[in-house]
């Protein structure tokens, strides 16, 4: 027993004798691998715990397993800590939230630009697309920014789409003001994307992905897909689901279902049903889907007070 205790004391002494910079570098390496590894190393001994608040660590920490949109206080504190340390992913997420959710456009673009300086691919993609949608001289600047991105892969597009799906989009980008014309740019494709209203990324990817065309055509089409995606988020946020075209309703249904399936912290879904009228087909279908996917659900019947008033001859029901 004494031998074990002496061995543990010796190991602890060896770690404590390491320079703080070396301890921070070990933590940085663990943090860049995963947040779980960082937490485990940090809690392994007092020396690591004391060195765990180094800015260099949070600048490089992996945010892969952290919720894209911070809902809880701990998540918000962690995002701010990483942002203050100039973590590229944290700068990107902050820029996305400020631009598309909080409607702080200049601030959002500023954070995206900071992320670009740290070679964040998705930040470069979004920033360039925004400038292309604004048109004019900004469009040319946007084309210069995105021209270095890989046109053959769609991973950047899918990651950006996932980020938009996790937040309430309150800013809708207009389609490029000078939308491309294939003949003008000398491209071989006969596709006319300007007539594809309501096509989001999940419904239709860039048709020029596998075709030879100029950068203007490709990134114009990419900007159209992006603007349609932001429009869908804003469209439904404003409670215009009932008046929306069928294809947009399908996109909204897919958005909510994906969110309910993938949101690990979800406790329950409140399904609101108008008590004043018979249950609609869509209410029954959604309740059935929630049950089949074993998603916790709470039924809430609205307008019950109006129903009582109507059945009581127009008088308010007496309090009991």
Protein backbone atom coordinates (compact mmCIF):
# COMPACT_ATOMS: atom_id res chain seq x y z
CA UNK A 1 0.00 0.00 0.00
CA UNK A 2 2.84 2.39 0.86
CA UNK A 3 4.54 1.54 -2.43
CA UNK A 4 1.40 2.55 -4.38
CA UNK A 5 1.08 5.80 -2.43
CA UNK A 6 4.73 6.67 -3.03
CA UNK A 7 4.35 5.94 -6.75
CA UNK A 8 1.30 8.21 -7.02
CA UNK A 9 3.09 11.00 -5.16
CA UNK A 10 6.07 10.64 -7.48
CA UNK A 11 3.86 10.88 -10.60
CA UNK A 12 2.07 13.91 -9.18
CA UNK A 13 5.39 15.54 -8.38
CA UNK A 14 6.64 14.92 -11.91
CA UNK A 15 3.59 16.63 -13.45
CA UNK A 16 3.78 19.56 -11.04
CA UNK A 17 7.41 20.08 -12.01
CA UNK A 18 6.50 20.67 -15.67
CA UNK A 19 6.44 24.29 -16.90
CA UNK A 20 2.98 25.86 -17.19
CA UNK A 21 3.54 26.41 -20.90
CA UNK A 22 4.10 22.69 -21.43
CA UNK A 23 0.97 21.81 -19.46
CA UNK A 24 -1.02 24.26 -21.55
CA UNK A 25 0.39 22.75 -24.75
CA UNK A 26 -0.68 19.25 -23.64
CA UNK A 27 -4.15 20.59 -22.90
CA UNK A 28 -4.24 22.39 -26.25
CA UNK A 29 -3.46 19.16 -28.07
CA UNK A 30 -6.20 17.31 -26.14
CA UNK A 31 -8.70 20.16 -26.71
CA UNK A 32 -8.04 20.28 -30.45
CA UNK A 33 -8.88 16.58 -30.62
CA UNK A 34 -12.18 16.74 -28.70
CA UNK A 35 -13.86 18.58 -25.86
CA UNK A 36 -14.18 15.28 -23.98
CA UNK A 37 -10.43 14.68 -24.06
CA UNK A 38 -9.84 18.24 -22.88
CA UNK A 39 -12.23 17.80 -19.94
CA UNK A 40 -10.69 14.47 -18.92
CA UNK A 41 -7.11 15.77 -18.96
CA UNK A 42 -8.11 18.99 -17.18
CA UNK A 43 -9.70 17.07 -14.32
CA UNK A 44 -6.90 14.52 -14.01
CA UNK A 45 -4.84 16.64 -11.61
CA UNK A 46 -4.59 20.08 -10.03
CA UNK A 47 -1.68 21.18 -12.24
CA UNK A 48 -3.68 20.65 -15.44
CA UNK A 49 -6.73 22.31 -13.91
CA UNK A 50 -4.76 25.45 -13.08
CA UNK A 51 -3.34 25.63 -16.60
CA UNK A 52 -6.67 24.97 -18.35
CA UNK A 53 -7.75 28.60 -18.74
CA UNK A 54 -5.02 29.54 -21.20
CA UNK A 55 -6.30 31.49 -24.24
CA UNK A 56 -4.24 29.34 -26.60
CA UNK A 57 -6.26 26.29 -25.51
CA UNK A 58 -9.64 27.86 -26.23
CA UNK A 59 -8.36 29.26 -29.49
CA UNK A 60 -7.79 25.70 -30.71
CA UNK A 61 -10.46 23.72 -28.86
CA UNK A 62 -12.68 21.54 -31.03
CA UNK A 63 -16.35 22.58 -31.00
CA UNK A 64 -17.51 19.55 -32.99
CA UNK A 65 -19.61 18.11 -30.15
CA UNK A 66 -20.93 21.48 -28.97
CA UNK A 67 -24.42 22.56 -30.00
CA UNK A 68 -24.29 24.83 -33.07
CA UNK A 69 -26.74 27.25 -31.44
CA UNK A 70 -26.23 27.82 -27.68
CA UNK A 71 -29.52 27.42 -25.83
CA UNK A 72 -28.26 27.05 -22.28
CA UNK A 73 -26.20 29.38 -20.12
CA UNK A 74 -23.18 27.05 -20.01
CA UNK A 75 -23.18 26.77 -23.80
CA UNK A 76 -23.35 30.55 -24.19
CA UNK A 77 -20.50 31.07 -21.70
CA UNK A 78 -18.36 28.49 -23.52
CA UNK A 79 -19.06 30.07 -26.92
CA UNK A 80 -18.14 33.51 -25.59
CA UNK A 81 -14.94 32.16 -24.02
CA UNK A 82 -13.91 30.59 -27.33
CA UNK A 83 -14.90 33.71 -29.27
CA UNK A 84 -12.81 35.94 -26.98
CA UNK A 85 -9.88 33.59 -27.57
CA UNK A 86 -10.43 34.05 -31.34
CA UNK A 87 -11.42 30.46 -31.99
CA UNK A 88 -12.25 30.28 -35.72
CA UNK A 89 -15.37 28.12 -35.31
CA UNK A 90 -16.66 30.31 -32.47
CA UNK A 91 -16.16 33.44 -34.58
CA UNK A 92 -18.07 31.81 -37.44
CA UNK A 93 -20.99 30.71 -35.26
CA UNK A 94 -21.18 34.13 -33.60
CA UNK A 95 -21.21 35.82 -37.00
CA UNK A 96 -23.99 33.53 -38.27
CA UNK A 97 -26.14 34.14 -35.19
CA UNK A 98 -25.66 37.89 -35.23
CA UNK A 99 -26.40 38.22 -38.95
CA UNK A 100 -29.26 35.78 -39.50
CA UNK A 101 -30.87 35.58 -36.05
CA UNK A 102 -30.17 38.81 -34.17
CA UNK A 103 -30.33 40.97 -37.35
CA UNK A 104 -27.05 42.70 -36.46
CA UNK A 105 -25.77 42.63 -40.01
CA UNK A 106 -22.58 44.68 -39.70
CA UNK A 107 -21.53 42.89 -36.53
CA UNK A 108 -22.26 39.50 -38.10
CA UNK A 109 -20.18 40.28 -41.17
CA UNK A 110 -17.37 41.53 -38.96
CA UNK A 111 -17.18 38.22 -37.07
CA UNK A 112 -17.37 36.22 -40.30
CA UNK A 113 -14.48 38.25 -41.66
CA UNK A 114 -12.45 37.51 -38.53
CA UNK A 115 -13.11 33.80 -39.03
CA UNK A 116 -11.98 34.09 -42.66
CA UNK A 117 -8.65 35.50 -41.51
CA UNK A 118 -8.20 32.24 -39.60
CA UNK A 119 -8.97 30.24 -42.79
CA UNK A 120 -12.46 29.07 -41.75
CA UNK A 121 -13.97 27.55 -44.91
CA UNK A 122 -17.69 27.92 -44.04
CA UNK A 123 -17.15 31.55 -43.01
CA UNK A 124 -15.53 32.26 -46.36
CA UNK A 125 -18.44 30.55 -48.12
CA UNK A 126 -21.18 32.48 -46.28
CA UNK A 127 -19.41 35.85 -46.42
CA UNK A 128 -18.79 35.51 -50.14
CA UNK A 129 -22.37 34.41 -50.86
CA UNK A 130 -23.77 37.38 -48.91
CA UNK A 131 -21.68 39.81 -50.98
CA UNK A 132 -22.79 38.10 -54.20
CA UNK A 133 -26.44 38.52 -53.20
CA UNK A 134 -25.88 42.22 -52.46
CA UNK A 135 -24.68 42.73 -56.04
CA UNK A 136 -22.71 45.55 -57.67
CA UNK A 137 -19.06 45.92 -56.71
CA UNK A 138 -19.67 43.75 -53.65
CA UNK A 139 -20.59 40.86 -55.93
CA UNK A 140 -17.17 40.94 -57.59
CA UNK A 141 -15.53 41.00 -54.18
CA UNK A 142 -17.67 38.04 -53.12
CA UNK A 143 -16.65 36.09 -56.23
CA UNK A 144 -13.00 36.70 -55.41
CA UNK A 145 -13.52 35.36 -51.88
CA UNK A 146 -15.31 32.12 -52.85
CA UNK A 147 -13.24 31.43 -55.98
CA UNK A 148 -10.63 29.61 -53.89
CA UNK A 149 -13.21 27.15 -52.49
CA UNK A 150 -13.58 23.63 -53.84
CA UNK A 151 -16.47 23.45 -56.31
CA UNK A 152 -16.52 19.65 -56.50
CA UNK A 153 -17.65 18.97 -52.93
CA UNK A 154 -20.86 19.91 -51.13
CA UNK A 155 -19.64 19.51 -47.53
CA UNK A 156 -19.33 23.27 -47.03
CA UNK A 157 -22.87 23.78 -48.30
CA UNK A 158 -24.28 21.01 -46.07
CA UNK A 159 -22.50 22.31 -42.95
CA UNK A 160 -23.84 25.81 -43.56
CA UNK A 161 -27.33 24.44 -44.13
CA UNK A 162 -27.14 22.59 -40.81
CA UNK A 163 -26.20 25.80 -39.01
CA UNK A 164 -29.12 27.69 -40.55
CA UNK A 165 -31.53 24.89 -39.65
CA UNK A 166 -30.58 25.08 -35.99
CA UNK A 167 -31.55 28.75 -35.59
CA UNK A 168 -34.53 30.98 -36.23
CA UNK A 169 -33.61 32.78 -39.42
CA UNK A 170 -34.81 36.39 -39.25
CA UNK A 171 -32.90 37.80 -42.22
CA UNK A 172 -33.70 36.68 -45.74
CA UNK A 173 -31.14 37.28 -48.47
CA UNK A 174 -32.43 38.39 -51.84
CA UNK A 175 -31.36 36.48 -54.90
CA UNK A 176 -28.37 37.96 -56.76
CA UNK A 177 -29.42 41.30 -58.22
CA UNK A 178 -27.51 40.63 -61.44
CA UNK A 179 -28.50 37.00 -61.87
CA UNK A 180 -26.43 35.12 -64.40
CA UNK A 181 -27.38 34.37 -67.97
CA UNK A 182 -25.64 31.31 -69.41
CA UNK A 183 -25.15 32.75 -72.88
CA UNK A 184 -23.60 35.88 -71.43
CA UNK A 185 -20.93 33.91 -69.62
CA UNK A 186 -20.38 31.44 -72.44
CA UNK A 187 -21.47 28.36 -70.46
CA UNK A 188 -22.79 25.19 -72.05
CA UNK A 189 -25.58 24.60 -69.56
CA UNK A 190 -29.16 25.42 -70.62
CA UNK A 191 -30.48 25.37 -67.04
CA UNK A 192 -32.35 28.47 -65.95
CA UNK A 193 -32.17 28.63 -62.19
CA UNK A 194 -33.99 31.93 -61.95
CA UNK A 195 -37.28 30.11 -62.51
CA UNK A 196 -36.69 27.49 -59.79
CA UNK A 197 -38.61 29.26 -57.04
CA UNK A 198 -38.62 27.68 -53.61
CA UNK A 199 -35.86 25.15 -54.28
CA UNK A 200 -33.80 24.64 -51.15
CA UNK A 201 -30.56 22.71 -50.85
CA UNK A 202 -32.17 19.52 -49.64
CA UNK A 203 -34.56 19.58 -52.61
CA UNK A 204 -32.02 20.41 -55.27
CA UNK A 205 -28.27 20.87 -55.10
CA UNK A 206 -26.34 23.12 -57.44
CA UNK A 207 -26.96 21.72 -60.94
CA UNK A 208 -23.53 23.00 -61.98
CA UNK A 209 -21.74 20.80 -59.41
CA UNK A 210 -20.64 18.33 -62.08
CA UNK A 211 -20.63 20.65 -65.10
CA UNK A 212 -17.91 22.76 -66.60
CA UNK A 213 -18.90 26.41 -66.25
CA UNK A 214 -17.44 29.74 -65.24
CA UNK A 215 -17.21 30.90 -61.63
CA UNK A 216 -19.91 33.53 -62.14
CA UNK A 217 -22.49 30.96 -63.23
CA UNK A 218 -21.60 28.48 -60.52
CA UNK A 219 -21.58 30.93 -57.63
CA UNK A 220 -24.69 32.73 -58.89
CA UNK A 221 -26.53 29.42 -58.74
CA UNK A 222 -25.05 28.72 -55.31
CA UNK A 223 -26.21 32.14 -54.07
CA UNK A 224 -29.72 31.41 -55.37
CA UNK A 225 -29.86 28.17 -53.38
CA UNK A 226 -28.55 29.97 -50.28
CA UNK A 227 -31.04 32.85 -50.55
CA UNK A 228 -33.92 30.39 -50.97
CA UNK A 229 -32.84 28.60 -47.82
CA UNK A 230 -32.75 31.82 -45.79
CA UNK A 231 -36.14 32.80 -47.27
CA UNK A 232 -37.71 29.55 -46.11
CA UNK A 233 -36.47 30.10 -42.53
CA UNK A 234 -37.84 33.65 -42.43
CA UNK A 235 -41.05 32.73 -44.24
CA UNK A 236 -42.16 30.31 -41.57
CA UNK A 237 -40.88 32.34 -38.66
CA UNK A 238 -43.48 34.94 -39.62
CA UNK A 239 -46.28 32.35 -39.24
CA UNK A 240 -47.10 32.21 -42.93
CA UNK A 241 -47.18 28.42 -43.12
CA UNK A 242 -50.84 28.22 -44.13
CA UNK A 243 -50.36 30.57 -47.08
CA UNK A 244 -47.07 29.06 -48.22
CA UNK A 245 -46.72 27.00 -51.41
CA UNK A 246 -46.82 23.24 -50.97
CA UNK A 247 -43.10 22.80 -51.69
CA UNK A 248 -42.22 25.25 -48.91
CA UNK A 249 -44.52 23.43 -46.48
CA UNK A 250 -42.60 20.25 -47.26
CA UNK A 251 -39.32 22.01 -46.46
CA UNK A 252 -40.71 23.30 -43.16
CA UNK A 253 -41.99 19.85 -42.20
CA UNK A 254 -38.57 18.34 -42.92
CA UNK A 255 -36.86 21.12 -40.95
CA UNK A 256 -38.95 20.55 -37.80
CA UNK A 257 -38.73 16.76 -37.99
CA UNK A 258 -34.95 16.81 -38.38
CA UNK A 259 -34.74 19.23 -35.46
CA UNK A 260 -36.89 17.04 -33.19
CA UNK A 261 -34.91 13.91 -34.10
CA UNK A 262 -31.46 15.44 -33.62
CA UNK A 263 -31.99 17.80 -30.66
CA UNK A 264 -30.41 15.76 -27.83
CA UNK A 265 -31.65 18.12 -25.07
CA UNK A 266 -35.29 18.09 -26.22
CA UNK A 267 -37.66 17.36 -23.31
CA UNK A 268 -41.08 17.56 -24.95
CA UNK A 269 -42.86 18.91 -28.03
CA UNK A 270 -45.94 21.07 -27.40
CA UNK A 271 -48.50 20.33 -30.12
CA UNK A 272 -51.12 23.11 -30.18
CA UNK A 273 -54.62 22.13 -31.36
CA UNK A 274 -57.58 24.49 -31.77
CA UNK A 275 -60.29 23.21 -29.39
CA UNK A 276 -62.97 25.24 -31.14
CA UNK A 277 -62.93 23.10 -34.30
CA UNK A 278 -62.50 19.40 -35.10
CA UNK A 279 -58.89 18.24 -35.21
CA UNK A 280 -57.32 18.81 -38.61
CA UNK A 281 -55.67 16.09 -40.65
CA UNK A 282 -52.25 17.72 -40.25
CA UNK A 283 -52.65 17.72 -36.43
CA UNK A 284 -53.43 14.01 -36.38
CA UNK A 285 -50.60 13.20 -38.79
CA UNK A 286 -48.04 15.11 -36.76
CA UNK A 287 -49.21 13.58 -33.48
CA UNK A 288 -48.97 10.14 -35.10
CA UNK A 289 -45.46 10.88 -36.38
CA UNK A 290 -44.26 12.06 -32.96
CA UNK A 291 -45.63 8.88 -31.41
CA UNK A 292 -44.03 6.61 -33.99
CA UNK A 293 -40.62 8.26 -33.55
CA UNK A 294 -41.01 8.08 -29.75
CA UNK A 295 -40.61 11.83 -29.32
CA UNK A 296 -42.14 13.11 -26.03
CA UNK A 297 -45.28 15.10 -26.79
CA UNK A 298 -47.72 17.30 -24.86
CA UNK A 299 -51.08 18.15 -26.42
CA UNK A 300 -52.26 21.70 -25.68
CA UNK A 301 -55.80 22.67 -26.66
CA UNK A 302 -56.16 26.38 -27.39
CA UNK A 303 -59.23 28.69 -27.38
CA UNK A 304 -61.03 26.63 -24.73
CA UNK A 305 -62.27 29.83 -23.07
CA UNK A 306 -63.93 30.98 -26.31
CA UNK A 307 -65.70 27.66 -26.62
CA UNK A 308 -67.14 27.94 -23.10
CA UNK A 309 -68.30 31.49 -23.79
CA UNK A 310 -70.10 30.36 -26.96
CA UNK A 311 -71.84 27.46 -25.22
CA UNK A 312 -72.87 29.77 -22.38
CA UNK A 313 -74.95 32.08 -24.53
CA UNK A 314 -72.22 34.67 -25.02
CA UNK A 315 -71.63 35.09 -21.26
CA UNK A 316 -68.36 34.54 -19.51
CA UNK A 317 -68.31 31.25 -17.59
CA UNK A 318 -68.68 31.71 -13.86
CA UNK A 319 -65.61 31.15 -11.75
CA UNK A 320 -65.75 28.07 -9.56
